[in-house]
């Protein structure tokens, strides 16, 4: 059995994925199993990815140790990687060594995993919004359709509800703070009128002929 650490590179955008794989045949055609990696391989075509064996070991423990050294949390958060989670902890060998069953291990690690998924998911969504107009349009339509279905099934989420007095007071204080001095959107402006029409202008500008300061309230 061969215990390997490999790197897969997207030849189009240079993004990489580092993983581990145990096999009896080094030429078995295995090209990774990361979720974002697989999505990218479907998008660009498997022919646009190349695989390189970085390290080869004769036991699983050394393989896991090396993966942990390479695939850190910082590595996973890099823009040029497909990895979602730190390495060195996956595989049945590791799971058996913890004494936990699969569900117990998942429960202990789900928060960290979901955070990484969220970060990577948001990055991927941002990339598609900026580079793929067709995907952006389909995504926007799907959101609108989903919201419409929810409204039809359950009604507006705020229907029949009201804010508490405590919430109203707190919101009032927040708005007052936002509207104080230069934070006020109307700061430095004034109303002028010609007797019939009203408009706003900056206080440091000259009032046009035929206009005067104030507002005509009809």
Protein backbone atom coordinates (compact mmCIF):
# COMPACT_ATOMS: atom_id res chain seq x y z
CA UNK A 1 0.00 0.00 0.00
CA UNK A 2 1.23 3.49 -0.89
CA UNK A 3 0.40 6.45 1.38
CA UNK A 4 0.76 9.66 -0.59
CA UNK A 5 0.45 13.43 -0.32
CA UNK A 6 -0.50 14.92 -3.67
CA UNK A 7 -1.09 18.34 -5.18
CA UNK A 8 -3.62 19.06 -7.90
CA UNK A 9 -3.26 22.30 -9.88
CA UNK A 10 -5.82 24.05 -12.05
CA UNK A 11 -3.79 24.94 -15.14
CA UNK A 12 -6.17 27.79 -16.00
CA UNK A 13 -6.29 29.78 -12.76
CA UNK A 14 -3.37 28.15 -10.84
CA UNK A 15 -5.55 27.24 -7.85
CA UNK A 16 -4.29 24.20 -5.96
CA UNK A 17 -5.56 21.40 -3.78
CA UNK A 18 -3.36 19.36 -1.45
CA UNK A 19 -4.65 16.05 -0.16
CA UNK A 20 -3.74 12.52 0.86
CA UNK A 21 -4.52 9.24 -0.81
CA UNK A 22 -3.72 5.62 -0.02
CA UNK A 23 -3.64 3.22 -2.91
CA UNK A 24 -2.10 0.03 -4.28
CA UNK A 25 -1.61 1.68 -7.66
CA UNK A 26 0.05 5.10 -7.96
CA UNK A 27 -1.45 5.41 -11.45
CA UNK A 28 -5.05 4.76 -10.41
CA UNK A 29 -6.24 8.06 -11.91
CA UNK A 30 -7.41 9.50 -8.60
CA UNK A 31 -7.86 13.29 -8.93
CA UNK A 32 -8.99 14.39 -5.47
CA UNK A 33 -12.30 14.47 -3.67
CA UNK A 34 -12.64 18.03 -2.36
CA UNK A 35 -16.08 19.51 -2.96
CA UNK A 36 -14.87 22.77 -4.51
CA UNK A 37 -12.17 20.94 -6.40
CA UNK A 38 -14.74 18.62 -7.98
CA UNK A 39 -16.97 21.57 -8.86
CA UNK A 40 -14.04 23.28 -10.55
CA UNK A 41 -13.07 20.12 -12.44
CA UNK A 42 -16.61 19.91 -13.80
CA UNK A 43 -16.48 23.57 -14.82
CA UNK A 44 -13.05 23.64 -16.48
CA UNK A 45 -12.73 20.00 -17.52
CA UNK A 46 -10.55 17.37 -15.87
CA UNK A 47 -8.00 17.76 -18.66
CA UNK A 48 -7.14 21.21 -17.30
CA UNK A 49 -5.89 19.78 -14.00
CA UNK A 50 -2.57 18.15 -13.29
CA UNK A 51 -1.57 15.98 -10.35
CA UNK A 52 1.80 15.76 -8.65
CA UNK A 53 2.86 13.32 -5.91
CA UNK A 54 4.63 15.43 -3.28
CA UNK A 55 5.42 12.76 -0.68
CA UNK A 56 5.15 9.00 -0.38
CA UNK A 57 5.07 7.04 2.90
CA UNK A 58 4.76 3.45 4.02
CA UNK A 59 2.23 4.14 6.78
CA UNK A 60 -0.90 6.21 7.37
CA UNK A 61 0.36 8.05 10.46
CA UNK A 62 3.27 9.70 8.61
CA UNK A 63 0.95 10.59 5.76
CA UNK A 64 -1.52 12.30 8.13
CA UNK A 65 1.29 14.16 9.90
CA UNK A 66 2.64 15.57 6.65
CA UNK A 67 -0.82 16.61 5.47
CA UNK A 68 -1.38 18.44 8.77
CA UNK A 69 1.90 20.30 8.27
CA UNK A 70 0.92 21.44 4.79
CA UNK A 71 -2.84 21.98 4.98
CA UNK A 72 -3.24 24.41 7.88
CA UNK A 73 -6.15 26.74 8.62
CA UNK A 74 -4.15 29.60 7.09
CA UNK A 75 -3.62 27.51 3.96
CA UNK A 76 -7.34 26.77 3.69
CA UNK A 77 -8.22 30.46 3.86
CA UNK A 78 -5.89 31.38 1.02
CA UNK A 79 -7.53 32.63 -2.18
CA UNK A 80 -5.60 30.17 -4.36
CA UNK A 81 -6.65 26.91 -2.68
CA UNK A 82 -9.61 24.56 -2.94
CA UNK A 83 -9.08 23.05 0.51
CA UNK A 84 -11.87 23.64 3.03
CA UNK A 85 -10.51 22.04 6.22
CA UNK A 86 -7.10 21.56 7.84
CA UNK A 87 -5.45 18.26 6.97
CA UNK A 88 -4.23 15.30 8.96
CA UNK A 89 -7.54 14.38 10.55
CA UNK A 90 -9.52 12.62 7.87
CA UNK A 91 -9.71 9.00 6.80
CA UNK A 92 -10.97 5.88 8.51
CA UNK A 93 -7.61 5.21 10.10
CA UNK A 94 -7.67 8.52 11.93
CA UNK A 95 -11.34 8.11 12.85
CA UNK A 96 -10.72 4.69 14.35
CA UNK A 97 -7.80 6.05 16.40
CA UNK A 98 -10.05 8.66 18.07
CA UNK A 99 -12.42 6.05 19.47
CA UNK A 100 -15.37 8.05 18.08
CA UNK A 101 -17.94 6.90 15.60
CA UNK A 102 -18.55 8.94 12.46
CA UNK A 103 -21.49 10.96 13.88
CA UNK A 104 -19.63 11.77 17.12
CA UNK A 105 -16.59 13.01 15.21
CA UNK A 106 -18.80 15.10 12.90
CA UNK A 107 -20.59 16.72 15.85
CA UNK A 108 -17.29 17.70 17.45
CA UNK A 109 -15.91 19.20 14.24
CA UNK A 110 -19.02 20.53 12.50
CA UNK A 111 -18.68 24.14 13.69
CA UNK A 112 -15.16 24.55 12.33
CA UNK A 113 -16.08 22.74 9.14
CA UNK A 114 -19.16 24.89 8.53
CA UNK A 115 -17.20 28.09 9.10
CA UNK A 116 -14.69 27.03 6.46
CA UNK A 117 -17.51 26.00 4.14
CA UNK A 118 -19.18 29.37 4.64
CA UNK A 119 -15.99 31.31 3.95
CA UNK A 120 -15.16 29.29 0.86
CA UNK A 121 -18.78 29.34 -0.30
CA UNK A 122 -18.96 33.12 -0.05
CA UNK A 123 -15.66 33.46 -1.89
CA UNK A 124 -16.91 31.17 -4.66
CA UNK A 125 -20.23 33.01 -4.89
CA UNK A 126 -18.41 36.36 -5.12
CA UNK A 127 -16.17 35.00 -7.87
CA UNK A 128 -19.16 33.75 -9.89
CA UNK A 129 -21.04 37.04 -9.42
CA UNK A 130 -18.07 38.95 -10.83
CA UNK A 131 -17.13 36.60 -13.67
CA UNK A 132 -20.26 34.71 -14.73
CA UNK A 133 -23.26 36.93 -15.70
CA UNK A 134 -25.34 33.88 -16.66
CA UNK A 135 -24.85 32.28 -13.23
CA UNK A 136 -25.58 35.61 -11.53
CA UNK A 137 -28.89 35.94 -13.40
CA UNK A 138 -29.94 32.35 -12.63
CA UNK A 139 -28.98 32.74 -8.96
CA UNK A 140 -30.96 36.00 -8.63
CA UNK A 141 -34.00 34.42 -10.25
CA UNK A 142 -33.77 31.37 -8.00
CA UNK A 143 -33.69 33.59 -4.93
CA UNK A 144 -36.72 35.54 -6.11
CA UNK A 145 -38.62 32.33 -6.87
CA UNK A 146 -37.66 30.84 -3.51
CA UNK A 147 -38.81 33.97 -1.66
CA UNK A 148 -42.09 33.95 -3.58
CA UNK A 149 -42.74 30.30 -2.66
CA UNK A 150 -42.06 31.06 1.01
CA UNK A 151 -44.44 34.03 0.97
CA UNK A 152 -47.19 31.99 -0.71
CA UNK A 153 -46.77 29.12 1.73
CA UNK A 154 -46.19 30.96 5.00
CA UNK A 155 -47.05 34.59 4.29
CA UNK A 156 -44.76 37.53 4.95
CA UNK A 157 -42.38 36.65 7.82
CA UNK A 158 -43.37 39.81 9.74
CA UNK A 159 -47.12 39.50 9.19
CA UNK A 160 -49.07 39.70 12.45
CA UNK A 161 -45.95 40.59 14.44
CA UNK A 162 -44.79 43.84 16.02
CA UNK A 163 -41.57 45.11 17.51
CA UNK A 164 -41.28 45.28 21.27
CA UNK A 165 -41.11 48.66 23.02
CA UNK A 166 -37.56 47.87 24.07
CA UNK A 167 -36.57 47.25 20.45
CA UNK A 168 -38.26 50.51 19.34
CA UNK A 169 -36.40 52.55 21.99
CA UNK A 170 -33.09 50.96 21.09
CA UNK A 171 -33.69 51.55 17.38
CA UNK A 172 -34.64 55.17 18.10
CA UNK A 173 -31.34 55.74 19.90
CA UNK A 174 -29.42 54.15 17.05
CA UNK A 175 -31.13 56.37 14.48
CA UNK A 176 -30.56 59.50 16.55
CA UNK A 177 -26.87 58.65 16.75
CA UNK A 178 -26.72 58.09 12.99
CA UNK A 179 -28.51 61.38 12.28
CA UNK A 180 -26.37 63.56 14.58
CA UNK A 181 -24.25 66.38 13.09
CA UNK A 182 -22.26 65.48 10.00
CA UNK A 183 -23.68 61.96 10.10
CA UNK A 184 -27.06 63.38 9.08
CA UNK A 185 -27.70 62.98 5.36
CA UNK A 186 -29.11 66.54 5.30
CA UNK A 187 -26.10 68.10 7.02
CA UNK A 188 -24.98 71.35 5.34
CA UNK A 189 -28.14 71.75 3.22
CA UNK A 190 -31.16 74.05 3.33
CA UNK A 191 -34.52 74.51 1.66
CA UNK A 192 -35.19 77.41 -0.74
CA UNK A 193 -38.37 78.37 -2.57
CA UNK A 194 -39.56 80.71 -5.33
CA UNK A 195 -43.00 80.88 -3.76
CA UNK A 196 -44.34 77.88 -5.62
CA UNK A 197 -41.54 75.36 -5.91
CA UNK A 198 -39.16 74.03 -3.27
CA UNK A 199 -35.68 72.59 -3.61
CA UNK A 200 -32.62 71.89 -1.52
CA UNK A 201 -29.20 73.40 -1.91
CA UNK A 202 -25.95 73.57 0.01
CA UNK A 203 -25.75 76.28 2.64
CA UNK A 204 -22.47 77.64 1.28
CA UNK A 205 -23.90 78.20 -2.22
CA UNK A 206 -25.45 81.47 -3.45
CA UNK A 207 -29.25 81.49 -3.54
CA UNK A 208 -30.43 81.94 -7.16
CA UNK A 209 -32.24 85.13 -8.14
CA UNK A 210 -35.97 84.89 -7.53
CA UNK A 211 -35.51 82.31 -4.78
CA UNK A 212 -35.29 82.82 -1.03
CA UNK A 213 -34.58 80.70 1.99
CA UNK A 214 -37.49 78.66 3.35
CA UNK A 215 -40.08 76.25 2.06
CA UNK A 216 -43.56 76.80 0.68
CA UNK A 217 -45.92 74.40 2.40
CA UNK A 218 -49.01 74.04 0.26
